[in-house]
PDB file of N, CA and C in Angstrom:
ATOM      1  N   MET A   1    -122.958 109.116 -20.773  1.00  0.00           N
ATOM      2  CA  MET A   1    -122.787 109.006 -19.940  1.00  0.00           C
ATOM      3  C   MET A   1    -123.426 107.733 -19.319  1.00  0.00           C
ATOM      4  N   GLN A   2    -122.881 106.817 -18.482  1.00  0.00           N
ATOM      5  CA  GLN A   2    -122.767 105.361 -18.362  1.00  0.00           C
ATOM      6  C   GLN A   2    -122.974 105.030 -16.771  1.00  0.00           C
ATOM      7  N   GLY A   3    -122.783 106.062 -16.140  1.00  0.00           N
ATOM      8  CA  GLY A   3    -122.153 106.018 -14.835  1.00  0.00           C
ATOM      9  C   GLY A   3    -120.805 105.805 -14.267  1.00  0.00           C
ATOM     10  N   LEU A   4    -120.902 106.458 -12.852  1.00  0.00           N
ATOM     11  CA  LEU A   4    -119.400 105.848 -12.092  1.00  0.00           C
ATOM     12  C   LEU A   4    -118.854 104.598 -12.358  1.00  0.00           C
ATOM     13  N   ARG A   5    -117.052 104.727 -12.845  1.00  0.00           N
ATOM     14  CA  ARG A   5    -116.772 103.138 -12.890  1.00  0.00           C
ATOM     15  C   ARG A   5    -115.606 103.180 -11.862  1.00  0.00           C
ATOM     16  N   THR A   6    -114.793 104.224 -11.645  1.00  0.00           N
ATOM     17  CA  THR A   6    -113.744 104.340 -10.636  1.00  0.00           C
ATOM     18  C   THR A   6    -113.234 105.293 -10.121  1.00  0.00           C
ATOM     19  N   THR A   7    -112.640 105.164  -8.829  1.00  0.00           N
ATOM     20  CA  THR A   7    -112.564 106.239  -7.782  1.00  0.00           C
ATOM     21  C   THR A   7    -111.022 105.941  -7.613  1.00  0.00           C
ATOM     22  N   ILE A   8    -109.895 106.910  -8.186  1.00  0.00           N
ATOM     23  CA  ILE A   8    -108.833 106.674  -7.746  1.00  0.00           C
ATOM     24  C   ILE A   8    -108.404 107.728  -6.709  1.00  0.00           C
ATOM     25  N   TYR A   9    -107.162 106.454  -5.473  1.00  0.00           N
ATOM     26  CA  TYR A   9    -106.692 107.745  -4.833  1.00  0.00           C
ATOM     27  C   TYR A   9    -105.537 108.017  -4.759  1.00  0.00           C
ATOM     28  N   GLN A  10    -104.686 108.911  -4.791  1.00  0.00           N
ATOM     29  CA  GLN A  10    -102.863 108.790  -5.672  1.00  0.00           C
ATOM     30  C   GLN A  10    -102.544 108.746  -3.575  1.00  0.00           C
ATOM     31  N   VAL A  11    -101.379 108.140  -3.393  1.00  0.00           N
ATOM     32  CA  VAL A  11    -100.825 107.823  -2.407  1.00  0.00           C
ATOM     33  C   VAL A  11     -99.368 107.448  -2.374  1.00  0.00           C
ATOM     34  N   PRO A  12     -98.302 108.208  -1.540  1.00  0.00           N
ATOM     35  CA  PRO A  12     -97.290 108.079  -1.760  1.00  0.00           C
ATOM     36  C   PRO A  12     -96.410 107.015  -0.973  1.00  0.00           C
ATOM     37  N   ASP A  13     -97.182 105.748  -0.744  1.00  0.00           N
ATOM     38  CA  ASP A  13     -96.680 104.554  -0.509  1.00  0.00           C
ATOM     39  C   ASP A  13     -97.706 103.488  -0.450  1.00  0.00           C
ATOM     40  N   LEU A  14     -97.588 103.233  -2.040  1.00  0.00           N
ATOM     41  CA  LEU A  14     -98.406 102.206  -2.347  1.00  0.00           C
ATOM     42  C   LEU A  14     -98.895 100.588  -1.890  1.00  0.00           C
ATOM     43  N   THR A  15     -97.485 100.423  -1.251  1.00  0.00           N
ATOM     44  CA  THR A  15     -97.431  98.875  -0.678  1.00  0.00           C
ATOM     45  C   THR A  15     -98.536  99.077   0.827  1.00  0.00           C
ATOM     46  N   ALA A  16     -98.072 100.312   1.603  1.00  0.00           N
ATOM     47  CA  ALA A  16     -99.113 100.705   2.682  1.00  0.00           C
ATOM     48  C   ALA A  16    -100.598 100.805   2.853  1.00  0.00           C
ATOM     49  N   ALA A  17    -100.840 101.476   1.230  1.00  0.00           N
ATOM     50  CA  ALA A  17    -101.807 101.731   1.069  1.00  0.00           C
ATOM     51  C   ALA A  17    -102.714 100.730   1.024  1.00  0.00           C
ATOM     52  N   LYS A  18    -102.108  99.785   0.019  1.00  0.00           N
ATOM     53  CA  LYS A  18    -103.018  98.226  -0.319  1.00  0.00           C
ATOM     54  C   LYS A  18    -103.168  97.778   0.979  1.00  0.00           C
ATOM     55  N   ALA A  19    -102.446  97.534   1.516  1.00  0.00           N
ATOM     56  CA  ALA A  19    -102.570  96.681   2.944  1.00  0.00           C
ATOM     57  C   ALA A  19    -103.834  97.781   3.392  1.00  0.00           C
ATOM     58  N   TRP A  20    -103.426  98.926   3.669  1.00  0.00           N
ATOM     59  CA  TRP A  20    -105.026  99.637   4.756  1.00  0.00           C
ATOM     60  C   TRP A  20    -105.927  99.506   3.945  1.00  0.00           C
ATOM     61  N   TYR A  21    -106.176  99.774   2.655  1.00  0.00           N
ATOM     62  CA  TYR A  21    -107.415  99.482   1.563  1.00  0.00           C
ATOM     63  C   TYR A  21    -108.086  98.198   1.373  1.00  0.00           C
ATOM     64  N   THR A  22    -107.057  96.811   1.474  1.00  0.00           N
ATOM     65  CA  THR A  22    -107.340  96.003   2.103  1.00  0.00           C
ATOM     66  C   THR A  22    -108.100  95.570   3.211  1.00  0.00           C
ATOM     67  N   LYS A  23    -107.929  95.752   4.118  1.00  0.00           N
ATOM     68  CA  LYS A  23    -108.324  95.963   5.791  1.00  0.00           C
ATOM     69  C   LYS A  23    -109.917  96.761   5.576  1.00  0.00           C
ATOM     70  N   ALA A  24    -109.322  98.249   4.891  1.00  0.00           N
ATOM     71  CA  ALA A  24    -110.855  98.935   5.375  1.00  0.00           C
ATOM     72  C   ALA A  24    -112.157  98.344   4.440  1.00  0.00           C
ATOM     73  N   PHE A  25    -111.753  98.176   3.290  1.00  0.00           N
ATOM     74  CA  PHE A  25    -112.730  97.385   2.380  1.00  0.00           C
ATOM     75  C   PHE A  25    -112.930  96.038   2.644  1.00  0.00           C
ATOM     76  N   GLY A  26    -112.161  94.836   2.874  1.00  0.00           N
ATOM     77  CA  GLY A  26    -111.983  93.341   3.278  1.00  0.00           C
ATOM     78  C   GLY A  26    -112.189  92.989   1.819  1.00  0.00           C
ATOM     79  N   LYS A  27    -111.496  93.223   1.204  1.00  0.00           N
ATOM     80  CA  LYS A  27    -111.035  93.053  -0.170  1.00  0.00           C
ATOM     81  C   LYS A  27    -109.600  92.965  -0.486  1.00  0.00           C
ATOM     82  N   ALA A  28    -109.003  91.919  -1.425  1.00  0.00           N
ATOM     83  CA  ALA A  28    -107.833  91.939  -1.668  1.00  0.00           C
ATOM     84  C   ALA A  28    -108.170  92.321  -2.994  1.00  0.00           C
ATOM     85  N   PRO A  29    -106.604  93.321  -3.726  1.00  0.00           N
ATOM     86  CA  PRO A  29    -106.585  93.546  -4.975  1.00  0.00           C
ATOM     87  C   PRO A  29    -107.174  92.827  -5.937  1.00  0.00           C
ATOM     88  N   TYR A  30    -107.726  92.780  -6.785  1.00  0.00           N
ATOM     89  CA  TYR A  30    -107.787  92.080  -8.375  1.00  0.00           C
ATOM     90  C   TYR A  30    -106.524  92.259  -8.871  1.00  0.00           C
ATOM     91  N   PHE A  31    -106.010  93.427  -9.219  1.00  0.00           N
ATOM     92  CA  PHE A  31    -104.890  93.684  -9.595  1.00  0.00           C
ATOM     93  C   PHE A  31    -103.940  94.773  -9.110  1.00  0.00           C
ATOM     94  N   ASP A  32    -102.698  94.395  -9.062  1.00  0.00           N
ATOM     95  CA  ASP A  32    -101.742  94.433  -8.335  1.00  0.00           C
ATOM     96  C   ASP A  32    -100.222  94.785  -8.992  1.00  0.00           C
ATOM     97  N   GLU A  33    -100.031  95.830  -9.619  1.00  0.00           N
ATOM     98  CA  GLU A  33     -98.967  96.173 -10.323  1.00  0.00           C
ATOM     99  C   GLU A  33     -98.080  97.298  -9.479  1.00  0.00           C
ATOM    100  N   PRO A  34     -96.734  97.748 -10.174  1.00  0.00           N
ATOM    101  CA  PRO A  34     -96.127  99.057  -9.329  1.00  0.00           C
ATOM    102  C   PRO A  34     -96.780 100.475  -9.604  1.00  0.00           C
ATOM    103  N   PHE A  35     -97.557 100.951 -10.880  1.00  0.00           N
ATOM    104  CA  PHE A  35     -97.930 101.876 -11.443  1.00  0.00           C
ATOM    105  C   PHE A  35     -99.617 101.676 -10.630  1.00  0.00           C
ATOM    106  N   TYR A  36    -100.100 100.533 -10.463  1.00  0.00           N
ATOM    107  CA  TYR A  36    -101.378 100.646  -9.951  1.00  0.00           C
ATOM    108  C   TYR A  36    -102.094  99.799  -9.397  1.00  0.00           C
ATOM    109  N   VAL A  37    -102.835  99.574  -8.250  1.00  0.00           N
ATOM    110  CA  VAL A  37    -103.789  98.456  -7.373  1.00  0.00           C
ATOM    111  C   VAL A  37    -104.949  98.832  -7.876  1.00  0.00           C
ATOM    112  N   GLY A  38    -105.385  97.921  -8.345  1.00  0.00           N
ATOM    113  CA  GLY A  38    -107.188  97.795  -8.206  1.00  0.00           C
ATOM    114  C   GLY A  38    -108.031  96.961  -7.459  1.00  0.00           C
ATOM    115  N   PHE A  39    -109.296  97.668  -6.943  1.00  0.00           N
ATOM    116  CA  PHE A  39    -110.053  96.370  -6.338  1.00  0.00           C
ATOM    117  C   PHE A  39    -111.374  96.811  -7.089  1.00  0.00           C
ATOM    118  N   ASN A  40    -112.191  95.783  -6.768  1.00  0.00           N
ATOM    119  CA  ASN A  40    -113.401  95.136  -7.246  1.00  0.00           C
ATOM    120  C   ASN A  40    -114.498  95.442  -6.011  1.00  0.00           C
ATOM    121  N   ILE A  41    -114.879  96.492  -6.014  1.00  0.00           N
ATOM    122  CA  ILE A  41    -115.619  96.947  -4.598  1.00  0.00           C
ATOM    123  C   ILE A  41    -117.542  97.094  -5.149  1.00  0.00           C
ATOM    124  N   GLY A  42    -118.057  96.016  -4.448  1.00  0.00           N
ATOM    125  CA  GLY A  42    -119.471  95.715  -5.373  1.00  0.00           C
ATOM    126  C   GLY A  42    -119.643  96.133  -6.637  1.00  0.00           C
ATOM    127  N   GLY A  43    -118.964  95.796  -7.718  1.00  0.00           N
ATOM    128  CA  GLY A  43    -118.736  96.372  -8.813  1.00  0.00           C
ATOM    129  C   GLY A  43    -118.308  97.140  -9.293  1.00  0.00           C
ATOM    130  N   TYR A  44    -117.854  97.687  -8.304  1.00  0.00           N
ATOM    131  CA  TYR A  44    -117.254  99.815  -9.296  1.00  0.00           C
ATOM    132  C   TYR A  44    -115.542  99.224  -8.672  1.00  0.00           C
ATOM    133  N   GLU A  45    -114.831  99.898  -9.368  1.00  0.00           N
ATOM    134  CA  GLU A  45    -113.146 100.010  -9.101  1.00  0.00           C
ATOM    135  C   GLU A  45    -112.553 101.165  -7.950  1.00  0.00           C
ATOM    136  N   LEU A  46    -111.938 101.131  -7.405  1.00  0.00           N
ATOM    137  CA  LEU A  46    -111.160 101.748  -6.130  1.00  0.00           C
ATOM    138  C   LEU A  46    -109.759 101.239  -6.928  1.00  0.00           C
ATOM    139  N   GLY A  47    -109.257 101.844  -7.220  1.00  0.00           N
ATOM    140  CA  GLY A  47    -107.861 102.386  -7.630  1.00  0.00           C
ATOM    141  C   GLY A  47    -106.368 103.204  -6.807  1.00  0.00           C
ATOM    142  N   LEU A  48    -105.907 102.612  -6.307  1.00  0.00           N
ATOM    143  CA  LEU A  48    -104.443 103.218  -5.948  1.00  0.00           C
ATOM    144  C   LEU A  48    -103.387 103.406  -6.877  1.00  0.00           C
ATOM    145  N   GLN A  49    -103.036 104.833  -7.293  1.00  0.00           N
ATOM    146  CA  GLN A  49    -101.871 105.068  -7.770  1.00  0.00           C
ATOM    147  C   GLN A  49    -100.674 105.695  -6.986  1.00  0.00           C
ATOM    148  N   PRO A  50     -99.657 105.579  -7.271  1.00  0.00           N
ATOM    149  CA  PRO A  50     -98.365 106.185  -6.445  1.00  0.00           C
ATOM    150  C   PRO A  50     -98.371 107.890  -6.798  1.00  0.00           C
ATOM    151  N   GLU A  51     -98.452 108.567  -5.815  1.00  0.00           N
ATOM    152  CA  GLU A  51     -98.011 109.929  -6.474  1.00  0.00           C
ATOM    153  C   GLU A  51     -96.650 110.162  -6.915  1.00  0.00           C
ATOM    154  N   GLU A  52     -96.877 111.240  -7.436  1.00  0.00           N
ATOM    155  CA  GLU A  52     -95.315 111.549  -8.585  1.00  0.00           C
ATOM    156  C   GLU A  52     -94.860 112.695  -8.562  1.00  0.00           C
ATOM    157  N   GLY A  53     -93.592 112.756  -7.684  1.00  0.00           N
ATOM    158  CA  GLY A  53     -93.489 114.562  -8.103  1.00  0.00           C
ATOM    159  C   GLY A  53     -93.479 114.935  -6.675  1.00  0.00           C
ATOM    160  N   GLY A  54     -93.357 113.857  -5.847  1.00  0.00           N
ATOM    161  CA  GLY A  54     -93.636 114.692  -3.983  1.00  0.00           C
ATOM    162  C   GLY A  54     -95.521 114.406  -3.769  1.00  0.00           C
ATOM    163  N   PRO A  55     -95.244 114.643  -2.436  1.00  0.00           N
ATOM    164  CA  PRO A  55     -96.879 115.174  -2.039  1.00  0.00           C
ATOM    165  C   PRO A  55     -97.437 116.187  -2.541  1.00  0.00           C
ATOM    166  N   LEU A  56     -98.767 115.291  -2.750  1.00  0.00           N
ATOM    167  CA  LEU A  56     -99.736 116.337  -3.533  1.00  0.00           C
ATOM    168  C   LEU A  56    -100.778 117.003  -2.437  1.00  0.00           C
ATOM    169  N   ILE A  57    -101.208 117.884  -2.884  1.00  0.00           N
ATOM    170  CA  ILE A  57    -102.279 118.716  -2.381  1.00  0.00           C
ATOM    171  C   ILE A  57    -103.512 117.997  -2.259  1.00  0.00           C
ATOM    172  N   LYS A  58    -103.980 116.979  -1.176  1.00  0.00           N
ATOM    173  CA  LYS A  58    -105.596 116.479  -1.373  1.00  0.00           C
ATOM    174  C   LYS A  58    -106.575 117.597  -0.846  1.00  0.00           C
ATOM    175  N   SER A  59    -107.880 117.184  -1.988  1.00  0.00           N
ATOM    176  CA  SER A  59    -109.116 118.287  -2.103  1.00  0.00           C
ATOM    177  C   SER A  59    -109.870 117.002  -1.357  1.00  0.00           C
ATOM    178  N   THR A  60    -110.995 117.918  -0.795  1.00  0.00           N
ATOM    179  CA  THR A  60    -112.194 117.263  -0.448  1.00  0.00           C
ATOM    180  C   THR A  60    -113.255 117.876  -1.105  1.00  0.00           C
ATOM    181  N   ASN A  61    -113.188 118.851  -2.094  1.00  0.00           N
ATOM    182  CA  ASN A  61    -113.870 119.549  -2.809  1.00  0.00           C
ATOM    183  C   ASN A  61    -115.337 118.198  -3.395  1.00  0.00           C
ATOM    184  N   VAL A  62    -114.678 117.142  -3.497  1.00  0.00           N
ATOM    185  CA  VAL A  62    -114.906 116.110  -4.713  1.00  0.00           C
ATOM    186  C   VAL A  62    -114.976 115.120  -3.959  1.00  0.00           C
ATOM    187  N   VAL A  63    -115.969 114.124  -3.767  1.00  0.00           N
ATOM    188  CA  VAL A  63    -115.910 113.047  -2.600  1.00  0.00           C
ATOM    189  C   VAL A  63    -116.820 112.118  -3.481  1.00  0.00           C
ATOM    190  N   SER A  64    -116.352 110.576  -3.567  1.00  0.00           N
ATOM    191  CA  SER A  64    -117.079 109.795  -3.669  1.00  0.00           C
ATOM    192  C   SER A  64    -117.533 108.727  -2.386  1.00  0.00           C
ATOM    193  N   TYR A  65    -119.002 108.498  -2.889  1.00  0.00           N
ATOM    194  CA  TYR A  65    -119.667 107.541  -1.501  1.00  0.00           C
ATOM    195  C   TYR A  65    -119.441 106.313  -1.749  1.00  0.00           C
ATOM    196  N   TRP A  66    -119.146 105.380  -1.154  1.00  0.00           N
ATOM    197  CA  TRP A  66    -119.379 103.837  -1.074  1.00  0.00           C
ATOM    198  C   TRP A  66    -120.136 103.523  -0.183  1.00  0.00           C
ATOM    199  N   GLY A  67    -121.222 102.720  -0.940  1.00  0.00           N
ATOM    200  CA  GLY A  67    -122.443 102.188  -0.001  1.00  0.00           C
ATOM    201  C   GLY A  67    -121.988 101.666   1.029  1.00  0.00           C
ATOM    202  N   VAL A  68    -122.762 101.843   2.023  1.00  0.00           N
ATOM    203  CA  VAL A  68    -122.367 100.603   3.509  1.00  0.00           C
ATOM    204  C   VAL A  68    -123.941 100.672   4.030  1.00  0.00           C
ATOM    205  N   GLY A  69    -124.218  99.072   4.620  1.00  0.00           N
ATOM    206  CA  GLY A  69    -125.554  99.374   5.559  1.00  0.00           C
ATOM    207  C   GLY A  69    -125.683 100.356   6.293  1.00  0.00           C
ATOM    208  N   GLU A  70    -127.042  99.941   6.712  1.00  0.00           N
ATOM    209  CA  GLU A  70    -127.641 101.047   7.634  1.00  0.00           C
ATOM    210  C   GLU A  70    -127.218 101.618   8.926  1.00  0.00           C
ATOM    211  N   ASP A  71    -125.749 100.563   9.265  1.00  0.00           N
ATOM    212  CA  ASP A  71    -125.420 101.043  10.505  1.00  0.00           C
ATOM    213  C   ASP A  71    -124.030 102.019  10.099  1.00  0.00           C
ATOM    214  N   VAL A  72    -124.218 102.889   9.448  1.00  0.00           N
ATOM    215  CA  VAL A  72    -122.662 104.040   8.740  1.00  0.00           C
ATOM    216  C   VAL A  72    -121.927 104.073  10.038  1.00  0.00           C
ATOM    217  N   GLN A  73    -122.502 104.280  11.232  1.00  0.00           N
ATOM    218  CA  GLN A  73    -121.716 104.918  12.386  1.00  0.00           C
ATOM    219  C   GLN A  73    -120.392 103.430  12.088  1.00  0.00           C
ATOM    220  N   ALA A  74    -120.782 102.309  12.079  1.00  0.00           N
ATOM    221  CA  ALA A  74    -120.245 101.447  12.157  1.00  0.00           C
ATOM    222  C   ALA A  74    -118.964 101.394  11.514  1.00  0.00           C
ATOM    223  N   ALA A  75    -119.307 101.630  10.139  1.00  0.00           N
ATOM    224  CA  ALA A  75    -118.537 101.800   8.949  1.00  0.00           C
ATOM    225  C   ALA A  75    -117.510 102.967   9.350  1.00  0.00           C
ATOM    226  N   PHE A  76    -117.768 104.090   9.723  1.00  0.00           N
ATOM    227  CA  PHE A  76    -117.377 105.215  10.455  1.00  0.00           C
ATOM    228  C   PHE A  76    -116.521 104.889  11.046  1.00  0.00           C
ATOM    229  N   ASP A  77    -116.600 104.398  11.976  1.00  0.00           N
ATOM    230  CA  ASP A  77    -115.775 103.840  13.629  1.00  0.00           C
ATOM    231  C   ASP A  77    -114.570 103.251  12.965  1.00  0.00           C
ATOM    232  N   GLY A  78    -114.849 102.036  12.184  1.00  0.00           N
ATOM    233  CA  GLY A  78    -113.843 100.926  11.093  1.00  0.00           C
ATOM    234  C   GLY A  78    -112.883 101.263  11.228  1.00  0.00           C
ATOM    235  N   LEU A  79    -113.378 102.498  10.131  1.00  0.00           N
ATOM    236  CA  LEU A  79    -112.262 103.557   9.220  1.00  0.00           C
ATOM    237  C   LEU A  79    -111.463 104.169  10.022  1.00  0.00           C
ATOM    238  N   LEU A  80    -112.169 104.742  11.364  1.00  0.00           N
ATOM    239  CA  LEU A  80    -111.004 105.233  12.529  1.00  0.00           C
ATOM    240  C   LEU A  80    -110.445 104.570  13.238  1.00  0.00           C
ATOM    241  N   ALA A  81    -110.795 103.263  13.348  1.00  0.00           N
ATOM    242  CA  ALA A  81    -110.135 102.256  14.312  1.00  0.00           C
ATOM    243  C   ALA A  81    -108.567 102.000  13.273  1.00  0.00           C
ATOM    244  N   ILE A  82    -108.755 101.706  12.212  1.00  0.00           N
ATOM    245  CA  ILE A  82    -107.205 101.487  11.301  1.00  0.00           C
ATOM    246  C   ILE A  82    -106.487 102.584  11.127  1.00  0.00           C
ATOM    247  N   GLY A  83    -107.081 103.736  11.270  1.00  0.00           N
ATOM    248  CA  GLY A  83    -106.071 104.913  11.387  1.00  0.00           C
ATOM    249  C   GLY A  83    -106.424 106.293   9.948  1.00  0.00           C
ATOM    250  N   GLY A  84    -107.810 105.982   9.812  1.00  0.00           N
ATOM    251  CA  GLY A  84    -108.343 107.203   8.888  1.00  0.00           C
ATOM    252  C   GLY A  84    -108.926 108.103  10.450  1.00  0.00           C
ATOM    253  N   THR A  85    -109.232 109.762   9.496  1.00  0.00           N
ATOM    254  CA  THR A  85    -109.445 110.757  10.287  1.00  0.00           C
ATOM    255  C   THR A  85    -110.828 110.864  10.195  1.00  0.00           C
ATOM    256  N   ALA A  86    -111.549 111.225  11.188  1.00  0.00           N
ATOM    257  CA  ALA A  86    -112.875 112.015  10.769  1.00  0.00           C
ATOM    258  C   ALA A  86    -113.196 113.523   9.724  1.00  0.00           C
ATOM    259  N   HIS A  87    -113.657 113.462   8.858  1.00  0.00           N
ATOM    260  CA  HIS A  87    -113.926 114.049   8.228  1.00  0.00           C
ATOM    261  C   HIS A  87    -115.390 114.618   8.033  1.00  0.00           C
ATOM    262  N   GLU A  88    -116.253 114.371   8.094  1.00  0.00           N
ATOM    263  CA  GLU A  88    -117.915 114.562   8.488  1.00  0.00           C
ATOM    264  C   GLU A  88    -118.501 113.157   9.077  1.00  0.00           C
ATOM    265  N   GLU A  89    -118.683 113.531  10.094  1.00  0.00           N
ATOM    266  CA  GLU A  89    -119.371 112.432  11.045  1.00  0.00           C
ATOM    267  C   GLU A  89    -121.055 112.375  10.678  1.00  0.00           C
ATOM    268  N   PRO A  90    -120.893 111.182  10.831  1.00  0.00           N
ATOM    269  CA  PRO A  90    -122.995 110.192  10.067  1.00  0.00           C
ATOM    270  C   PRO A  90    -123.771 111.316  10.654  1.00  0.00           C
ATOM    271  N   MET A  91    -124.386 111.592   9.230  1.00  0.00           N
ATOM    272  CA  MET A  91    -125.670 112.302   9.412  1.00  0.00           C
ATOM    273  C   MET A  91    -126.490 112.098   8.737  1.00  0.00           C
ATOM    274  N   ASN A  92    -127.767 112.350   8.891  1.00  0.00           N
ATOM    275  CA  ASN A  92    -129.140 111.976   8.026  1.00  0.00           C
ATOM    276  C   ASN A  92    -129.530 113.446   6.946  1.00  0.00           C
ATOM    277  N   VAL A  93    -129.170 113.034   5.927  1.00  0.00           N
ATOM    278  CA  VAL A  93    -129.660 114.237   5.063  1.00  0.00           C
ATOM    279  C   VAL A  93    -130.632 113.998   3.924  1.00  0.00           C
ATOM    280  N   GLY A  94    -131.929 113.483   5.186  1.00  0.00           N
ATOM    281  CA  GLY A  94    -132.741 113.309   4.132  1.00  0.00           C
ATOM    282  C   GLY A  94    -133.600 112.335   4.165  1.00  0.00           C
ATOM    283  N   GLY A  95    -134.806 111.602   4.557  1.00  0.00           N
ATOM    284  CA  GLY A  95    -135.337 110.405   4.096  1.00  0.00           C
ATOM    285  C   GLY A  95    -134.854 109.625   5.137  1.00  0.00           C
ATOM    286  N   PRO A  96    -134.212 108.360   4.424  1.00  0.00           N
ATOM    287  CA  PRO A  96    -133.190 107.571   4.639  1.00  0.00           C
ATOM    288  C   PRO A  96    -131.737 107.642   4.826  1.00  0.00           C
ATOM    289  N   LEU A  97    -131.385 108.659   3.810  1.00  0.00           N
ATOM    290  CA  LEU A  97    -129.956 108.952   3.753  1.00  0.00           C
ATOM    291  C   LEU A  97    -129.002 109.111   4.618  1.00  0.00           C
ATOM    292  N   ILE A  98    -127.894 108.523   5.092  1.00  0.00           N
ATOM    293  CA  ILE A  98    -126.920 108.702   5.815  1.00  0.00           C
ATOM    294  C   ILE A  98    -125.770 108.927   5.687  1.00  0.00           C
ATOM    295  N   VAL A  99    -125.308 109.731   5.509  1.00  0.00           N
ATOM    296  CA  VAL A  99    -123.819 110.145   5.007  1.00  0.00           C
ATOM    297  C   VAL A  99    -122.802 110.105   6.076  1.00  0.00           C
ATOM    298  N   ALA A 100    -121.325 109.783   5.675  1.00  0.00           N
ATOM    299  CA  ALA A 100    -120.007 110.467   6.683  1.00  0.00           C
ATOM    300  C   ALA A 100    -119.156 110.231   5.647  1.00  0.00           C
ATOM    301  N   SER A 101    -117.898 111.000   6.036  1.00  0.00           N
ATOM    302  CA  SER A 101    -116.446 110.750   5.067  1.00  0.00           C
ATOM    303  C   SER A 101    -115.252 110.616   6.720  1.00  0.00           C
ATOM    304  N   VAL A 102    -114.269 110.055   6.000  1.00  0.00           N
ATOM    305  CA  VAL A 102    -113.413 109.839   7.152  1.00  0.00           C
ATOM    306  C   VAL A 102    -112.163 109.932   5.992  1.00  0.00           C
ATOM    307  N   LEU A 103    -110.857 110.662   5.906  1.00  0.00           N
ATOM    308  CA  LEU A 103    -109.794 110.821   5.425  1.00  0.00           C
ATOM    309  C   LEU A 103    -108.884 109.542   5.407  1.00  0.00           C
ATOM    310  N   ASP A 104    -107.901 108.839   4.678  1.00  0.00           N
ATOM    311  CA  ASP A 104    -107.409 108.394   4.874  1.00  0.00           C
ATOM    312  C   ASP A 104    -106.251 108.756   5.308  1.00  0.00           C
ATOM    313  N   PRO A 105    -105.147 107.554   5.696  1.00  0.00           N
ATOM    314  CA  PRO A 105    -103.915 108.170   6.143  1.00  0.00           C
ATOM    315  C   PRO A 105    -102.855 108.846   5.275  1.00  0.00           C
ATOM    316  N   TRP A 106    -103.558 109.351   3.991  1.00  0.00           N
ATOM    317  CA  TRP A 106    -102.486 110.096   2.957  1.00  0.00           C
ATOM    318  C   TRP A 106    -103.509 111.301   2.905  1.00  0.00           C
ATOM    319  N   GLY A 107    -104.603 111.612   3.277  1.00  0.00           N
ATOM    320  CA  GLY A 107    -105.425 112.581   3.060  1.00  0.00           C
ATOM    321  C   GLY A 107    -106.622 112.644   2.371  1.00  0.00           C
ATOM    322  N   ASN A 108    -107.183 111.492   1.747  1.00  0.00           N
ATOM    323  CA  ASN A 108    -107.605 111.102   0.529  1.00  0.00           C
ATOM    324  C   ASN A 108    -109.151 111.101   1.704  1.00  0.00           C
ATOM    325  N   PRO A 109    -110.026 111.164   1.023  1.00  0.00           N
ATOM    326  CA  PRO A 109    -111.180 111.408   1.842  1.00  0.00           C
ATOM    327  C   PRO A 109    -112.429 110.440   0.662  1.00  0.00           C
ATOM    328  N   ILE A 110    -112.642 109.898   2.124  1.00  0.00           N
ATOM    329  CA  ILE A 110    -113.646 108.278   1.276  1.00  0.00           C
ATOM    330  C   ILE A 110    -115.086 108.722   2.052  1.00  0.00           C
ATOM    331  N   GLY A 111    -116.069 108.897   1.148  1.00  0.00           N
ATOM    332  CA  GLY A 111    -117.248 109.236   1.783  1.00  0.00           C
ATOM    333  C   GLY A 111    -117.983 107.427   1.678  1.00  0.00           C
ATOM    334  N   LEU A 112    -118.878 107.580   2.535  1.00  0.00           N
ATOM    335  CA  LEU A 112    -119.563 106.488   2.805  1.00  0.00           C
ATOM    336  C   LEU A 112    -121.257 107.003   3.233  1.00  0.00           C
ATOM    337  N   ILE A 113    -122.324 105.850   2.213  1.00  0.00           N
ATOM    338  CA  ILE A 113    -123.255 106.615   2.513  1.00  0.00           C
ATOM    339  C   ILE A 113    -124.544 104.974   2.601  1.00  0.00           C
ATOM    340  N   TYR A 114    -125.575 104.968   3.147  1.00  0.00           N
ATOM    341  CA  TYR A 114    -126.380 104.181   3.252  1.00  0.00           C
ATOM    342  C   TYR A 114    -127.391 105.019   2.949  1.00  0.00           C
ATOM    343  N   ASN A 115    -128.054 104.362   1.682  1.00  0.00           N
ATOM    344  CA  ASN A 115    -129.301 104.684   0.589  1.00  0.00           C
ATOM    345  C   ASN A 115    -129.622 103.765   0.172  1.00  0.00           C
ATOM    346  N   PRO A 116    -130.682 103.343   0.786  1.00  0.00           N
ATOM    347  CA  PRO A 116    -132.002 102.079   0.305  1.00  0.00           C
ATOM    348  C   PRO A 116    -132.486 102.554  -0.847  1.00  0.00           C
ATOM    349  N   VAL A 117    -132.192 103.838  -1.388  1.00  0.00           N
ATOM    350  CA  VAL A 117    -133.283 104.135  -2.306  1.00  0.00           C
ATOM    351  C   VAL A 117    -133.007 103.766  -3.906  1.00  0.00           C
ATOM    352  N   PHE A 118    -131.475 103.644  -3.885  1.00  0.00           N
ATOM    353  CA  PHE A 118    -130.589 103.999  -4.769  1.00  0.00           C
ATOM    354  C   PHE A 118    -130.399 103.038  -5.506  1.00  0.00           C
ATOM    355  N   LYS A 119    -130.716 102.236  -6.514  1.00  0.00           N
ATOM    356  CA  LYS A 119    -130.368 100.873  -7.146  1.00  0.00           C
ATOM    357  C   LYS A 119    -129.820 101.547  -8.600  1.00  0.00           C
ATOM    358  N   ALA A 120    -128.316 100.731  -8.816  1.00  0.00           N
ATOM    359  CA  ALA A 120    -127.375 100.400  -9.801  1.00  0.00           C
ATOM    360  C   ALA A 120    -128.368  99.969 -10.908  1.00  0.00           C
ATOM    361  N   ASP A 121    -128.263 100.575 -11.979  1.00  0.00           N
ATOM    362  CA  ASP A 121    -128.596 100.121 -13.356  1.00  0.00           C
ATOM    363  C   ASP A 121    -128.221  99.499 -14.235  1.00  0.00           C
TER     364      ASP A 121
END
């Protein structure tokens, strides 16, 4: 194993999701096709795929946490301001680590983490 590379969110409206995620992460996609939209977020892949076969049942039993600065509350509030829904309020989980999560407008969980201890290899 070499580590996490890609997190994919499935959405019913790829055009709307592309606009929302561009706003949410402050980056335009580097890959944009009808079957997949890819963003490079700090060297990691955030992918959007169209839902196939109707609405999917979304699960929050697995959450990818995207690194944010020390002000997790500001990142959390920023996602709520553009249409996200609170899932887990910012909380300290030990030492300097703070986590939170938001559901995007299509029910996908987006984790936020401030972890100054973690360094990617």
